[in-house]
Structures are given as structure tokens and as C-alpha cells.
Amino acid sequence: MNYKQVIVIRADLKMGKGKIAAQSSHASLAAYEKALNKEPDWVEEWKSIGQEKVVLKVGSEKELLEMFEAVKKRFQGMPALITDAGHTQIVAGTKTCFAVGPVPETEIDKITGKLKLI
């Protein structure tokens, strides 16, 4: 079975490349830690096959939260929602992205498969 980590970013915030990288990194690490606690076998397999990650986009906070809830329903306790601290480009408390995984690719693609790459 293939596993991957999925990071979903809000495109409507018009974050700079560095900010997107930082927010994606926060989400990736938080999701990894959750997955390590919940499904350590998935994590080990994912690490052995190259740690695939994809970064996708949504157009609004509403879309982000709807996608987050759908992912949370399927992978309980695993997705990590990132809220910005407000130190640079974004107002404190803004939900910027979430990540989940590693999770089975076929399962996450059922939920996020129609989103476009960032």
C-alpha cells in the first residue's frame, strides 16, 4: 500500500512563497507527530518509500474547514489545522492550512483528489 502526506493551503490569503513554505512545514510536522502516535506502522512504511507529500490549494477558509472536517471524519485524530500566530503577513488567528498523514493514498485521494496543486 502507498502512503502520502497531504497539505492543504488557503490560496485566497495570497501568502508569499516563504510564508507558504513555513505554514506547510508547521502542518507537515504536526500531522507527522499525530500519525506517529496513531498509526506508527503507516509512518514507517511511508518513510521507507520516500515520504511522498503533496501540497494542494483551496480558495477560502470555508473550503479549508469543510475539507478539514471531511478528512478528520475519515482519519480521526490525525489531521492538524494550523492557525497563524500573526508575526508576519497574516492576522493572528487566521487558519492557513492543514495536513494529514501519512495516510493510505487511495483513502485520502477519495477526499482531496479533486483539489489542484498549489
PDB file of N, CA and C in Angstrom:
ATOM      1  N   MET A   1       0.842  -1.180   0.000  1.00  0.00           N
ATOM      2  CA  MET A   1       0.000   0.000   0.000  1.00  0.00           C
ATOM      3  C   MET A   1       0.888   1.244   0.000  1.00  0.00           C
ATOM      4  N   ASN A   2       0.480   2.255  -0.763  1.00  0.00           N
ATOM      5  CA  ASN A   2       1.200   3.527  -0.791  1.00  0.00           C
ATOM      6  C   ASN A   2       0.599   4.490   0.227  1.00  0.00           C
ATOM      7  N   TYR A   3       1.461   5.275   0.827  1.00  0.00           N
ATOM      8  CA  TYR A   3       1.058   6.274   1.802  1.00  0.00           C
ATOM      9  C   TYR A   3       1.582   7.628   1.357  1.00  0.00           C
ATOM     10  N   LYS A   4       0.856   8.690   1.730  1.00  0.00           N
ATOM     11  CA  LYS A   4       1.347  10.033   1.458  1.00  0.00           C
ATOM     12  C   LYS A   4       0.807  10.991   2.500  1.00  0.00           C
ATOM     13  N   GLN A   5       1.471  12.111   2.566  1.00  0.00           N
ATOM     14  CA  GLN A   5       1.013  13.203   3.411  1.00  0.00           C
ATOM     15  C   GLN A   5       0.417  14.252   2.491  1.00  0.00           C
ATOM     16  N   VAL A   6      -0.715  14.804   2.896  1.00  0.00           N
ATOM     17  CA  VAL A   6      -1.395  15.836   2.114  1.00  0.00           C
ATOM     18  C   VAL A   6      -1.449  17.118   2.944  1.00  0.00           C
ATOM     19  N   ILE A   7      -1.029  18.202   2.331  1.00  0.00           N
ATOM     20  CA  ILE A   7      -1.071  19.527   2.945  1.00  0.00           C
ATOM     21  C   ILE A   7      -2.008  20.377   2.096  1.00  0.00           C
ATOM     22  N   VAL A   8      -2.984  21.009   2.736  1.00  0.00           N
ATOM     23  CA  VAL A   8      -3.966  21.829   2.031  1.00  0.00           C
ATOM     24  C   VAL A   8      -3.816  23.276   2.507  1.00  0.00           C
ATOM     25  N   ILE A   9      -3.536  24.178   1.553  1.00  0.00           N
ATOM     26  CA  ILE A   9      -3.234  25.584   1.820  1.00  0.00           C
ATOM     27  C   ILE A   9      -4.356  26.484   1.286  1.00  0.00           C
ATOM     28  N   ARG A  10      -4.632  27.551   2.004  1.00  0.00           N
ATOM     29  CA  ARG A  10      -5.581  28.554   1.514  1.00  0.00           C
ATOM     30  C   ARG A  10      -4.891  29.471   0.510  1.00  0.00           C
ATOM     31  N   ALA A  11      -5.348  29.439  -0.727  1.00  0.00           N
ATOM     32  CA  ALA A  11      -4.770  30.284  -1.773  1.00  0.00           C
ATOM     33  C   ALA A  11      -5.283  31.720  -1.691  1.00  0.00           C
ATOM     34  N   ASP A  12      -6.440  31.933  -1.072  1.00  0.00           N
ATOM     35  CA  ASP A  12      -7.028  33.271  -1.019  1.00  0.00           C
ATOM     36  C   ASP A  12      -6.248  34.240  -0.129  1.00  0.00           C
ATOM     37  N   LEU A  13      -5.365  33.731   0.712  1.00  0.00           N
ATOM     38  CA  LEU A  13      -4.606  34.603   1.610  1.00  0.00           C
ATOM     39  C   LEU A  13      -3.445  35.301   0.909  1.00  0.00           C
ATOM     40  N   LYS A  14      -3.101  34.850  -0.292  1.00  0.00           N
ATOM     41  CA  LYS A  14      -2.017  35.457  -1.079  1.00  0.00           C
ATOM     42  C   LYS A  14      -0.718  35.543  -0.275  1.00  0.00           C
ATOM     43  N   MET A  15      -0.407  34.460   0.432  1.00  0.00           N
ATOM     44  CA  MET A  15       0.832  34.400   1.208  1.00  0.00           C
ATOM     45  C   MET A  15       2.021  34.343   0.256  1.00  0.00           C
ATOM     46  N   GLY A  16       3.135  34.903   0.673  1.00  0.00           N
ATOM     47  CA  GLY A  16       4.361  34.803  -0.101  1.00  0.00           C
ATOM     48  C   GLY A  16       4.884  33.376  -0.071  1.00  0.00           C
ATOM     49  N   LYS A  17       5.832  33.085  -0.949  1.00  0.00           N
ATOM     50  CA  LYS A  17       6.382  31.724  -1.043  1.00  0.00           C
ATOM     51  C   LYS A  17       6.987  31.260   0.275  1.00  0.00           C
ATOM     52  N   GLY A  18       7.703  32.152   0.936  1.00  0.00           N
ATOM     53  CA  GLY A  18       8.311  31.790   2.215  1.00  0.00           C
ATOM     54  C   GLY A  18       7.273  31.489   3.274  1.00  0.00           C
ATOM     55  N   LYS A  19       6.206  32.271   3.299  1.00  0.00           N
ATOM     56  CA  LYS A  19       5.126  32.066   4.269  1.00  0.00           C
ATOM     57  C   LYS A  19       4.418  30.746   3.995  1.00  0.00           C
ATOM     58  N   ILE A  20       4.178  30.453   2.722  1.00  0.00           N
ATOM     59  CA  ILE A  20       3.564  29.166   2.366  1.00  0.00           C
ATOM     60  C   ILE A  20       4.460  28.021   2.810  1.00  0.00           C
ATOM     61  N   ALA A  21       5.758  28.153   2.574  1.00  0.00           N
ATOM     62  CA  ALA A  21       6.698  27.108   2.988  1.00  0.00           C
ATOM     63  C   ALA A  21       6.673  26.926   4.499  1.00  0.00           C
ATOM     64  N   ALA A  22       6.661  28.019   5.241  1.00  0.00           N
ATOM     65  CA  ALA A  22       6.646  27.927   6.701  1.00  0.00           C
ATOM     66  C   ALA A  22       5.355  27.297   7.206  1.00  0.00           C
ATOM     67  N   GLN A  23       4.221  27.737   6.683  1.00  0.00           N
ATOM     68  CA  GLN A  23       2.937  27.187   7.124  1.00  0.00           C
ATOM     69  C   GLN A  23       2.819  25.709   6.760  1.00  0.00           C
ATOM     70  N   SER A  24       3.278  25.356   5.559  1.00  0.00           N
ATOM     71  CA  SER A  24       3.270  23.951   5.141  1.00  0.00           C
ATOM     72  C   SER A  24       4.149  23.108   6.054  1.00  0.00           C
ATOM     73  N   SER A  25       5.288  23.667   6.431  1.00  0.00           N
ATOM     74  CA  SER A  25       6.202  22.940   7.328  1.00  0.00           C
ATOM     75  C   SER A  25       5.573  22.722   8.697  1.00  0.00           C
ATOM     76  N   HIS A  26       4.919  23.743   9.235  1.00  0.00           N
ATOM     77  CA  HIS A  26       4.220  23.591  10.518  1.00  0.00           C
ATOM     78  C   HIS A  26       3.192  22.463  10.421  1.00  0.00           C
ATOM     79  N   ALA A  27       2.417  22.492   9.346  1.00  0.00           N
ATOM     80  CA  ALA A  27       1.366  21.490   9.167  1.00  0.00           C
ATOM     81  C   ALA A  27       1.952  20.095   8.986  1.00  0.00           C
ATOM     82  N   SER A  28       2.997  19.988   8.178  1.00  0.00           N
ATOM     83  CA  SER A  28       3.621  18.691   7.913  1.00  0.00           C
ATOM     84  C   SER A  28       4.128  18.052   9.199  1.00  0.00           C
ATOM     85  N   LEU A  29       4.840  18.827   9.991  1.00  0.00           N
ATOM     86  CA  LEU A  29       5.406  18.285  11.222  1.00  0.00           C
ATOM     87  C   LEU A  29       4.316  17.914  12.223  1.00  0.00           C
ATOM     88  N   ALA A  30       3.305  18.764  12.357  1.00  0.00           N
ATOM     89  CA  ALA A  30       2.213  18.472  13.286  1.00  0.00           C
ATOM     90  C   ALA A  30       1.459  17.205  12.878  1.00  0.00           C
ATOM     91  N   ALA A  31       1.201  17.059  11.584  1.00  0.00           N
ATOM     92  CA  ALA A  31       0.499  15.862  11.097  1.00  0.00           C
ATOM     93  C   ALA A  31       1.356  14.619  11.279  1.00  0.00           C
ATOM     94  N   TYR A  32       2.642  14.740  11.008  1.00  0.00           N
ATOM     95  CA  TYR A  32       3.571  13.620  11.203  1.00  0.00           C
ATOM     96  C   TYR A  32       3.532  13.137  12.652  1.00  0.00           C
ATOM     97  N   GLU A  33       3.586  14.075  13.595  1.00  0.00           N
ATOM     98  CA  GLU A  33       3.568  13.699  15.015  1.00  0.00           C
ATOM     99  C   GLU A  33       2.271  12.994  15.391  1.00  0.00           C
ATOM    100  N   LYS A  34       1.152  13.484  14.871  1.00  0.00           N
ATOM    101  CA  LYS A  34      -0.129  12.829  15.148  1.00  0.00           C
ATOM    102  C   LYS A  34      -0.167  11.423  14.548  1.00  0.00           C
ATOM    103  N   ALA A  35       0.311  11.299  13.309  1.00  0.00           N
ATOM    104  CA  ALA A  35       0.322   9.990  12.646  1.00  0.00           C
ATOM    105  C   ALA A  35       1.241   9.019  13.372  1.00  0.00           C
ATOM    106  N   LEU A  36       2.367   9.505  13.843  1.00  0.00           N
ATOM    107  CA  LEU A  36       3.314   8.652  14.561  1.00  0.00           C
ATOM    108  C   LEU A  36       2.673   8.060  15.813  1.00  0.00           C
ATOM    109  N   ASN A  37       1.854   8.839  16.484  1.00  0.00           N
ATOM    110  CA  ASN A  37       1.152   8.343  17.681  1.00  0.00           C
ATOM    111  C   ASN A  37      -0.011   7.424  17.339  1.00  0.00           C
ATOM    112  N   LYS A  38      -0.708   7.725  16.248  1.00  0.00           N
ATOM    113  CA  LYS A  38      -1.931   6.992  15.909  1.00  0.00           C
ATOM    114  C   LYS A  38      -1.676   5.751  15.039  1.00  0.00           C
ATOM    115  N   GLU A  39      -0.796   5.872  14.042  1.00  0.00           N
ATOM    116  CA  GLU A  39      -0.547   4.788  13.082  1.00  0.00           C
ATOM    117  C   GLU A  39       0.950   4.666  12.792  1.00  0.00           C
ATOM    118  N   PRO A  40       1.745   4.235  13.774  1.00  0.00           N
ATOM    119  CA  PRO A  40       3.198   4.183  13.570  1.00  0.00           C
ATOM    120  C   PRO A  40       3.629   3.267  12.419  1.00  0.00           C
ATOM    121  N   ASP A  41       2.875   2.229  12.134  1.00  0.00           N
ATOM    122  CA  ASP A  41       3.219   1.348  11.010  1.00  0.00           C
ATOM    123  C   ASP A  41       3.094   2.083   9.672  1.00  0.00           C
ATOM    124  N   TRP A  42       2.078   2.925   9.550  1.00  0.00           N
ATOM    125  CA  TRP A  42       1.925   3.718   8.327  1.00  0.00           C
ATOM    126  C   TRP A  42       3.112   4.644   8.157  1.00  0.00           C
ATOM    127  N   VAL A  43       3.544   5.261   9.252  1.00  0.00           N
ATOM    128  CA  VAL A  43       4.671   6.197   9.211  1.00  0.00           C
ATOM    129  C   VAL A  43       5.942   5.484   8.769  1.00  0.00           C
ATOM    130  N   GLU A  44       6.201   4.327   9.335  1.00  0.00           N
ATOM    131  CA  GLU A  44       7.421   3.586   8.978  1.00  0.00           C
ATOM    132  C   GLU A  44       7.415   3.178   7.509  1.00  0.00           C
ATOM    133  N   GLU A  45       6.276   2.720   7.018  1.00  0.00           N
ATOM    134  CA  GLU A  45       6.173   2.346   5.610  1.00  0.00           C
ATOM    135  C   GLU A  45       6.383   3.567   4.718  1.00  0.00           C
ATOM    136  N   TRP A  46       5.751   4.679   5.058  1.00  0.00           N
ATOM    137  CA  TRP A  46       5.880   5.930   4.315  1.00  0.00           C
ATOM    138  C   TRP A  46       7.329   6.377   4.269  1.00  0.00           C
ATOM    139  N   LYS A  47       8.015   6.293   5.387  1.00  0.00           N
ATOM    140  CA  LYS A  47       9.428   6.684   5.431  1.00  0.00           C
ATOM    141  C   LYS A  47      10.274   5.789   4.533  1.00  0.00           C
ATOM    142  N   SER A  48       9.907   4.527   4.443  1.00  0.00           N
ATOM    143  CA  SER A  48      10.698   3.585   3.642  1.00  0.00           C
ATOM    144  C   SER A  48      10.474   3.741   2.137  1.00  0.00           C
ATOM    145  N   ILE A  49       9.395   4.417   1.745  1.00  0.00           N
ATOM    146  CA  ILE A  49       9.086   4.561   0.318  1.00  0.00           C
ATOM    147  C   ILE A  49       9.235   5.991  -0.194  1.00  0.00           C
ATOM    148  N   GLY A  50       9.903   6.858   0.584  1.00  0.00           N
ATOM    149  CA  GLY A  50      10.239   8.178   0.063  1.00  0.00           C
ATOM    150  C   GLY A  50       9.496   9.372   0.636  1.00  0.00           C
ATOM    151  N   GLN A  51       8.609   9.161   1.595  1.00  0.00           N
ATOM    152  CA  GLN A  51       7.914  10.265   2.276  1.00  0.00           C
ATOM    153  C   GLN A  51       7.165  11.198   1.330  1.00  0.00           C
ATOM    154  N   GLU A  52       6.350  10.650   0.457  1.00  0.00           N
ATOM    155  CA  GLU A  52       5.606  11.469  -0.507  1.00  0.00           C
ATOM    156  C   GLU A  52       4.725  12.492   0.204  1.00  0.00           C
ATOM    157  N   LYS A  53       4.782  13.718  -0.307  1.00  0.00           N
ATOM    158  CA  LYS A  53       3.944  14.810   0.178  1.00  0.00           C
ATOM    159  C   LYS A  53       3.362  15.531  -1.032  1.00  0.00           C
ATOM    160  N   VAL A  54       2.125  15.985  -0.908  1.00  0.00           N
ATOM    161  CA  VAL A  54       1.535  16.840  -1.937  1.00  0.00           C
ATOM    162  C   VAL A  54       0.955  18.065  -1.245  1.00  0.00           C
ATOM    163  N   VAL A  55       1.077  19.216  -1.906  1.00  0.00           N
ATOM    164  CA  VAL A  55       0.540  20.462  -1.374  1.00  0.00           C
ATOM    165  C   VAL A  55      -0.545  20.926  -2.337  1.00  0.00           C
ATOM    166  N   LEU A  56      -1.760  21.009  -1.806  1.00  0.00           N
ATOM    167  CA  LEU A  56      -2.945  21.334  -2.592  1.00  0.00           C
ATOM    168  C   LEU A  56      -3.510  22.665  -2.124  1.00  0.00           C
ATOM    169  N   LYS A  57      -4.437  23.214  -2.902  1.00  0.00           N
ATOM    170  CA  LYS A  57      -4.991  24.510  -2.531  1.00  0.00           C
ATOM    171  C   LYS A  57      -6.509  24.513  -2.523  1.00  0.00           C
ATOM    172  N   VAL A  58      -7.031  25.383  -1.661  1.00  0.00           N
ATOM    173  CA  VAL A  58      -8.457  25.697  -1.621  1.00  0.00           C
ATOM    174  C   VAL A  58      -8.572  27.213  -1.707  1.00  0.00           C
ATOM    175  N   GLY A  59      -9.774  27.711  -2.004  1.00  0.00           N
ATOM    176  CA  GLY A  59      -9.941  29.128  -2.253  1.00  0.00           C
ATOM    177  C   GLY A  59     -10.486  29.958  -1.115  1.00  0.00           C
ATOM    178  N   SER A  60     -10.768  29.333   0.045  1.00  0.00           N
ATOM    179  CA  SER A  60     -11.348  30.110   1.140  1.00  0.00           C
ATOM    180  C   SER A  60     -11.197  29.355   2.466  1.00  0.00           C
ATOM    181  N   GLU A  61     -11.419  30.090   3.543  1.00  0.00           N
ATOM    182  CA  GLU A  61     -11.416  29.448   4.862  1.00  0.00           C
ATOM    183  C   GLU A  61     -12.542  28.427   4.953  1.00  0.00           C
ATOM    184  N   LYS A  62     -13.695  28.768   4.380  1.00  0.00           N
ATOM    185  CA  LYS A  62     -14.833  27.835   4.400  1.00  0.00           C
ATOM    186  C   LYS A  62     -14.459  26.514   3.744  1.00  0.00           C
ATOM    187  N   GLU A  63     -13.838  26.574   2.571  1.00  0.00           N
ATOM    188  CA  GLU A  63     -13.395  25.346   1.879  1.00  0.00           C
ATOM    189  C   GLU A  63     -12.371  24.583   2.702  1.00  0.00           C
ATOM    190  N   LEU A  64     -11.433  25.314   3.304  1.00  0.00           N
ATOM    191  CA  LEU A  64     -10.405  24.679   4.128  1.00  0.00           C
ATOM    192  C   LEU A  64     -11.052  23.907   5.271  1.00  0.00           C
ATOM    193  N   LEU A  65     -11.987  24.546   5.968  1.00  0.00           N
ATOM    194  CA  LEU A  65     -12.611  23.903   7.125  1.00  0.00           C
ATOM    195  C   LEU A  65     -13.522  22.740   6.720  1.00  0.00           C
ATOM    196  N   GLU A  66     -14.207  22.867   5.598  1.00  0.00           N
ATOM    197  CA  GLU A  66     -15.031  21.758   5.100  1.00  0.00           C
ATOM    198  C   GLU A  66     -14.155  20.550   4.762  1.00  0.00           C
ATOM    199  N   MET A  67     -13.029  20.798   4.091  1.00  0.00           N
ATOM    200  CA  MET A  67     -12.105  19.718   3.733  1.00  0.00           C
ATOM    201  C   MET A  67     -11.488  19.125   5.001  1.00  0.00           C
ATOM    202  N   PHE A  68     -11.106  19.971   5.937  1.00  0.00           N
ATOM    203  CA  PHE A  68     -10.538  19.513   7.205  1.00  0.00           C
ATOM    204  C   PHE A  68     -11.522  18.590   7.927  1.00  0.00           C
ATOM    205  N   GLU A  69     -12.785  18.974   7.996  1.00  0.00           N
ATOM    206  CA  GLU A  69     -13.795  18.160   8.682  1.00  0.00           C
ATOM    207  C   GLU A  69     -13.990  16.816   7.986  1.00  0.00           C
ATOM    208  N   ALA A  70     -13.986  16.808   6.662  1.00  0.00           N
ATOM    209  CA  ALA A  70     -14.127  15.548   5.918  1.00  0.00           C
ATOM    210  C   ALA A  70     -12.940  14.624   6.195  1.00  0.00           C
ATOM    211  N   VAL A  71     -11.739  15.198   6.213  1.00  0.00           N
ATOM    212  CA  VAL A  71     -10.535  14.408   6.485  1.00  0.00           C
ATOM    213  C   VAL A  71     -10.544  13.919   7.928  1.00  0.00           C
ATOM    214  N   LYS A  72     -10.955  14.785   8.849  1.00  0.00           N
ATOM    215  CA  LYS A  72     -10.998  14.429  10.269  1.00  0.00           C
ATOM    216  C   LYS A  72     -11.997  13.289  10.516  1.00  0.00           C
ATOM    217  N   LYS A  73     -13.096  13.313   9.786  1.00  0.00           N
ATOM    218  CA  LYS A  73     -14.104  12.260   9.928  1.00  0.00           C
ATOM    219  C   LYS A  73     -13.531  10.892   9.542  1.00  0.00           C
ATOM    220  N   ARG A  74     -12.732  10.867   8.475  1.00  0.00           N
ATOM    221  CA  ARG A  74     -12.146   9.608   7.997  1.00  0.00           C
ATOM    222  C   ARG A  74     -10.909   9.203   8.796  1.00  0.00           C
ATOM    223  N   PHE A  75     -10.087  10.168   9.158  1.00  0.00           N
ATOM    224  CA  PHE A  75      -8.817   9.889   9.857  1.00  0.00           C
ATOM    225  C   PHE A  75      -8.835  10.590  11.218  1.00  0.00           C
ATOM    226  N   GLN A  76      -9.676  10.091  12.097  1.00  0.00           N
ATOM    227  CA  GLN A  76      -9.871  10.725  13.400  1.00  0.00           C
ATOM    228  C   GLN A  76      -8.565  10.875  14.166  1.00  0.00           C
ATOM    229  N   GLY A  77      -8.361  12.083  14.696  1.00  0.00           N
ATOM    230  CA  GLY A  77      -7.185  12.364  15.495  1.00  0.00           C
ATOM    231  C   GLY A  77      -5.912  12.587  14.710  1.00  0.00           C
ATOM    232  N   MET A  78      -5.993  12.624  13.388  1.00  0.00           N
ATOM    233  CA  MET A  78      -4.772  12.730  12.588  1.00  0.00           C
ATOM    234  C   MET A  78      -4.550  14.072  11.891  1.00  0.00           C
ATOM    235  N   PRO A  79      -5.554  14.739  11.341  1.00  0.00           N
ATOM    236  CA  PRO A  79      -5.236  15.988  10.657  1.00  0.00           C
ATOM    237  C   PRO A  79      -4.850  17.086  11.652  1.00  0.00           C
ATOM    238  N   ALA A  80      -3.969  17.964  11.207  1.00  0.00           N
ATOM    239  CA  ALA A  80      -3.501  19.086  12.018  1.00  0.00           C
ATOM    240  C   ALA A  80      -3.854  20.396  11.326  1.00  0.00           C
ATOM    241  N   LEU A  81      -4.666  21.213  11.981  1.00  0.00           N
ATOM    242  CA  LEU A  81      -5.088  22.510  11.463  1.00  0.00           C
ATOM    243  C   LEU A  81      -4.140  23.579  12.015  1.00  0.00           C
ATOM    244  N   ILE A  82      -3.619  24.420  11.137  1.00  0.00           N
ATOM    245  CA  ILE A  82      -2.647  25.433  11.532  1.00  0.00           C
ATOM    246  C   ILE A  82      -3.309  26.815  11.576  1.00  0.00           C
ATOM    247  N   THR A  83      -3.117  27.468  12.711  1.00  0.00           N
ATOM    248  CA  THR A  83      -3.605  28.828  12.928  1.00  0.00           C
ATOM    249  C   THR A  83      -2.393  29.730  13.096  1.00  0.00           C
ATOM    250  N   ASP A  84      -2.315  30.794  12.317  1.00  0.00           N
ATOM    251  CA  ASP A  84      -1.131  31.655  12.315  1.00  0.00           C
ATOM    252  C   ASP A  84      -1.036  32.484  13.589  1.00  0.00           C
ATOM    253  N   ALA A  85       0.202  32.700  14.027  1.00  0.00           N
ATOM    254  CA  ALA A  85       0.466  33.495  15.232  1.00  0.00           C
ATOM    255  C   ALA A  85       0.429  34.997  14.963  1.00  0.00           C
ATOM    256  N   GLY A  86       0.456  35.393  13.708  1.00  0.00           N
ATOM    257  CA  GLY A  86       0.332  36.799  13.368  1.00  0.00           C
ATOM    258  C   GLY A  86       1.616  37.605  13.430  1.00  0.00           C
ATOM    259  N   HIS A  87       2.760  36.940  13.342  1.00  0.00           N
ATOM    260  CA  HIS A  87       4.032  37.655  13.434  1.00  0.00           C
ATOM    261  C   HIS A  87       4.449  38.337  12.139  1.00  0.00           C
ATOM    262  N   THR A  88       3.913  37.902  10.997  1.00  0.00           N
ATOM    263  CA  THR A  88       4.368  38.495   9.730  1.00  0.00           C
ATOM    264  C   THR A  88       3.189  38.918   8.858  1.00  0.00           C
ATOM    265  N   GLN A  89       2.883  38.180   7.816  1.00  0.00           N
ATOM    266  CA  GLN A  89       1.945  38.608   6.777  1.00  0.00           C
ATOM    267  C   GLN A  89       0.473  38.436   7.110  1.00  0.00           C
ATOM    268  N   ILE A  90       0.165  37.597   8.063  1.00  0.00           N
ATOM    269  CA  ILE A  90      -1.220  37.179   8.304  1.00  0.00           C
ATOM    270  C   ILE A  90      -1.669  37.635   9.693  1.00  0.00           C
ATOM    271  N   VAL A  91      -2.933  37.987   9.830  1.00  0.00           N
ATOM    272  CA  VAL A  91      -3.504  38.382  11.116  1.00  0.00           C
ATOM    273  C   VAL A  91      -3.527  37.178  12.058  1.00  0.00           C
ATOM    274  N   ALA A  92      -3.173  37.399  13.307  1.00  0.00           N
ATOM    275  CA  ALA A  92      -3.186  36.329  14.309  1.00  0.00           C
ATOM    276  C   ALA A  92      -4.554  35.654  14.345  1.00  0.00           C
ATOM    277  N   GLY A  93      -4.523  34.339  14.432  1.00  0.00           N
ATOM    278  CA  GLY A  93      -5.754  33.556  14.500  1.00  0.00           C
ATOM    279  C   GLY A  93      -6.279  33.070  13.163  1.00  0.00           C
ATOM    280  N   THR A  94      -5.649  33.486  12.070  1.00  0.00           N
ATOM    281  CA  THR A  94      -6.078  33.066  10.739  1.00  0.00           C
ATOM    282  C   THR A  94      -5.720  31.604  10.511  1.00  0.00           C
ATOM    283  N   LYS A  95      -6.692  30.835  10.078  1.00  0.00           N
ATOM    284  CA  LYS A  95      -6.452  29.425   9.733  1.00  0.00           C
ATOM    285  C   LYS A  95      -5.857  29.389   8.331  1.00  0.00           C
ATOM    286  N   THR A  96      -4.618  28.912   8.233  1.00  0.00           N
ATOM    287  CA  THR A  96      -3.898  28.988   6.964  1.00  0.00           C
ATOM    288  C   THR A  96      -3.881  27.688   6.181  1.00  0.00           C
ATOM    289  N   CYS A  97      -3.837  26.549   6.887  1.00  0.00           N
ATOM    290  CA  CYS A  97      -3.694  25.269   6.204  1.00  0.00           C
ATOM    291  C   CYS A  97      -3.942  24.121   7.175  1.00  0.00           C
ATOM    292  N   PHE A  98      -3.967  22.922   6.619  1.00  0.00           N
ATOM    293  CA  PHE A  98      -3.947  21.717   7.443  1.00  0.00           C
ATOM    294  C   PHE A  98      -3.175  20.649   6.703  1.00  0.00           C
ATOM    295  N   ALA A  99      -2.764  19.656   7.450  1.00  0.00           N
ATOM    296  CA  ALA A  99      -2.105  18.495   6.844  1.00  0.00           C
ATOM    297  C   ALA A  99      -2.619  17.241   7.524  1.00  0.00           C
ATOM    298  N   VAL A 100      -2.491  16.142   6.806  1.00  0.00           N
ATOM    299  CA  VAL A 100      -2.818  14.826   7.353  1.00  0.00           C
ATOM    300  C   VAL A 100      -1.830  13.823   6.791  1.00  0.00           C
ATOM    301  N   GLY A 101      -1.462  12.889   7.634  1.00  0.00           N
ATOM    302  CA  GLY A 101      -0.664  11.801   7.142  1.00  0.00           C
ATOM    303  C   GLY A 101       0.749  11.767   7.638  1.00  0.00           C
ATOM    304  N   PRO A 102       1.338  10.673   7.244  1.00  0.00           N
ATOM    305  CA  PRO A 102       0.988   9.800   6.130  1.00  0.00           C
ATOM    306  C   PRO A 102      -0.268   8.958   6.399  1.00  0.00           C
ATOM    307  N   VAL A 103      -1.053   8.831   5.354  1.00  0.00           N
ATOM    308  CA  VAL A 103      -2.260   8.013   5.342  1.00  0.00           C
ATOM    309  C   VAL A 103      -2.297   7.243   4.023  1.00  0.00           C
ATOM    310  N   PRO A 104      -3.140   6.200   3.933  1.00  0.00           N
ATOM    311  CA  PRO A 104      -3.235   5.467   2.669  1.00  0.00           C
ATOM    312  C   PRO A 104      -3.654   6.388   1.518  1.00  0.00           C
ATOM    313  N   GLU A 105      -2.878   6.340   0.460  1.00  0.00           N
ATOM    314  CA  GLU A 105      -3.103   7.209  -0.691  1.00  0.00           C
ATOM    315  C   GLU A 105      -4.508   7.041  -1.280  1.00  0.00           C
ATOM    316  N   THR A 106      -4.968   5.821  -1.414  1.00  0.00           N
ATOM    317  CA  THR A 106      -6.283   5.590  -2.025  1.00  0.00           C
ATOM    318  C   THR A 106      -7.402   6.197  -1.185  1.00  0.00           C
ATOM    319  N   GLU A 107      -7.243   6.205   0.125  1.00  0.00           N
ATOM    320  CA  GLU A 107      -8.279   6.757   1.009  1.00  0.00           C
ATOM    321  C   GLU A 107      -8.301   8.279   0.997  1.00  0.00           C
ATOM    322  N   ILE A 108      -7.130   8.907   1.080  1.00  0.00           N
ATOM    323  CA  ILE A 108      -7.092  10.372   1.104  1.00  0.00           C
ATOM    324  C   ILE A 108      -7.470  10.943  -0.258  1.00  0.00           C
ATOM    325  N   ASP A 109      -7.137  10.242  -1.327  1.00  0.00           N
ATOM    326  CA  ASP A 109      -7.486  10.720  -2.671  1.00  0.00           C
ATOM    327  C   ASP A 109      -8.997  10.776  -2.881  1.00  0.00           C
ATOM    328  N   LYS A 110      -9.749   9.954  -2.163  1.00  0.00           N
ATOM    329  CA  LYS A 110     -11.219   9.996  -2.245  1.00  0.00           C
ATOM    330  C   LYS A 110     -11.746  11.328  -1.727  1.00  0.00           C
ATOM    331  N   ILE A 111     -11.000  11.954  -0.829  1.00  0.00           N
ATOM    332  CA  ILE A 111     -11.447  13.206  -0.212  1.00  0.00           C
ATOM    333  C   ILE A 111     -10.807  14.418  -0.894  1.00  0.00           C
ATOM    334  N   THR A 112      -9.504  14.355  -1.126  1.00  0.00           N
ATOM    335  CA  THR A 112      -8.777  15.536  -1.619  1.00  0.00           C
ATOM    336  C   THR A 112      -8.391  15.433  -3.098  1.00  0.00           C
ATOM    337  N   GLY A 113      -8.738  14.349  -3.740  1.00  0.00           N
ATOM    338  CA  GLY A 113      -8.281  14.081  -5.104  1.00  0.00           C
ATOM    339  C   GLY A 113      -8.671  15.097  -6.153  1.00  0.00           C
ATOM    340  N   LYS A 114      -9.692  15.897  -5.911  1.00  0.00           N
ATOM    341  CA  LYS A 114     -10.123  16.881  -6.920  1.00  0.00           C
ATOM    342  C   LYS A 114      -9.472  18.259  -6.725  1.00  0.00           C
ATOM    343  N   LEU A 115      -8.741  18.416  -5.639  1.00  0.00           N
ATOM    344  CA  LEU A 115      -8.049  19.697  -5.416  1.00  0.00           C
ATOM    345  C   LEU A 115      -6.853  19.822  -6.343  1.00  0.00           C
ATOM    346  N   LYS A 116      -6.514  21.057  -6.669  1.00  0.00           N
ATOM    347  CA  LYS A 116      -5.367  21.323  -7.546  1.00  0.00           C
ATOM    348  C   LYS A 116      -4.113  21.554  -6.714  1.00  0.00           C
ATOM    349  N   LEU A 117      -2.961  21.227  -7.327  1.00  0.00           N
ATOM    350  CA  LEU A 117      -1.680  21.509  -6.694  1.00  0.00           C
ATOM    351  C   LEU A 117      -1.507  23.016  -6.543  1.00  0.00           C
ATOM    352  N   ILE A 118      -0.800  23.412  -5.503  1.00  0.00           N
ATOM    353  CA  ILE A 118      -0.580  24.840  -5.266  1.00  0.00           C
ATOM    354  C   ILE A 118       0.340  25.419  -6.334  1.00  0.00           C
TER     355      ILE A 118
END
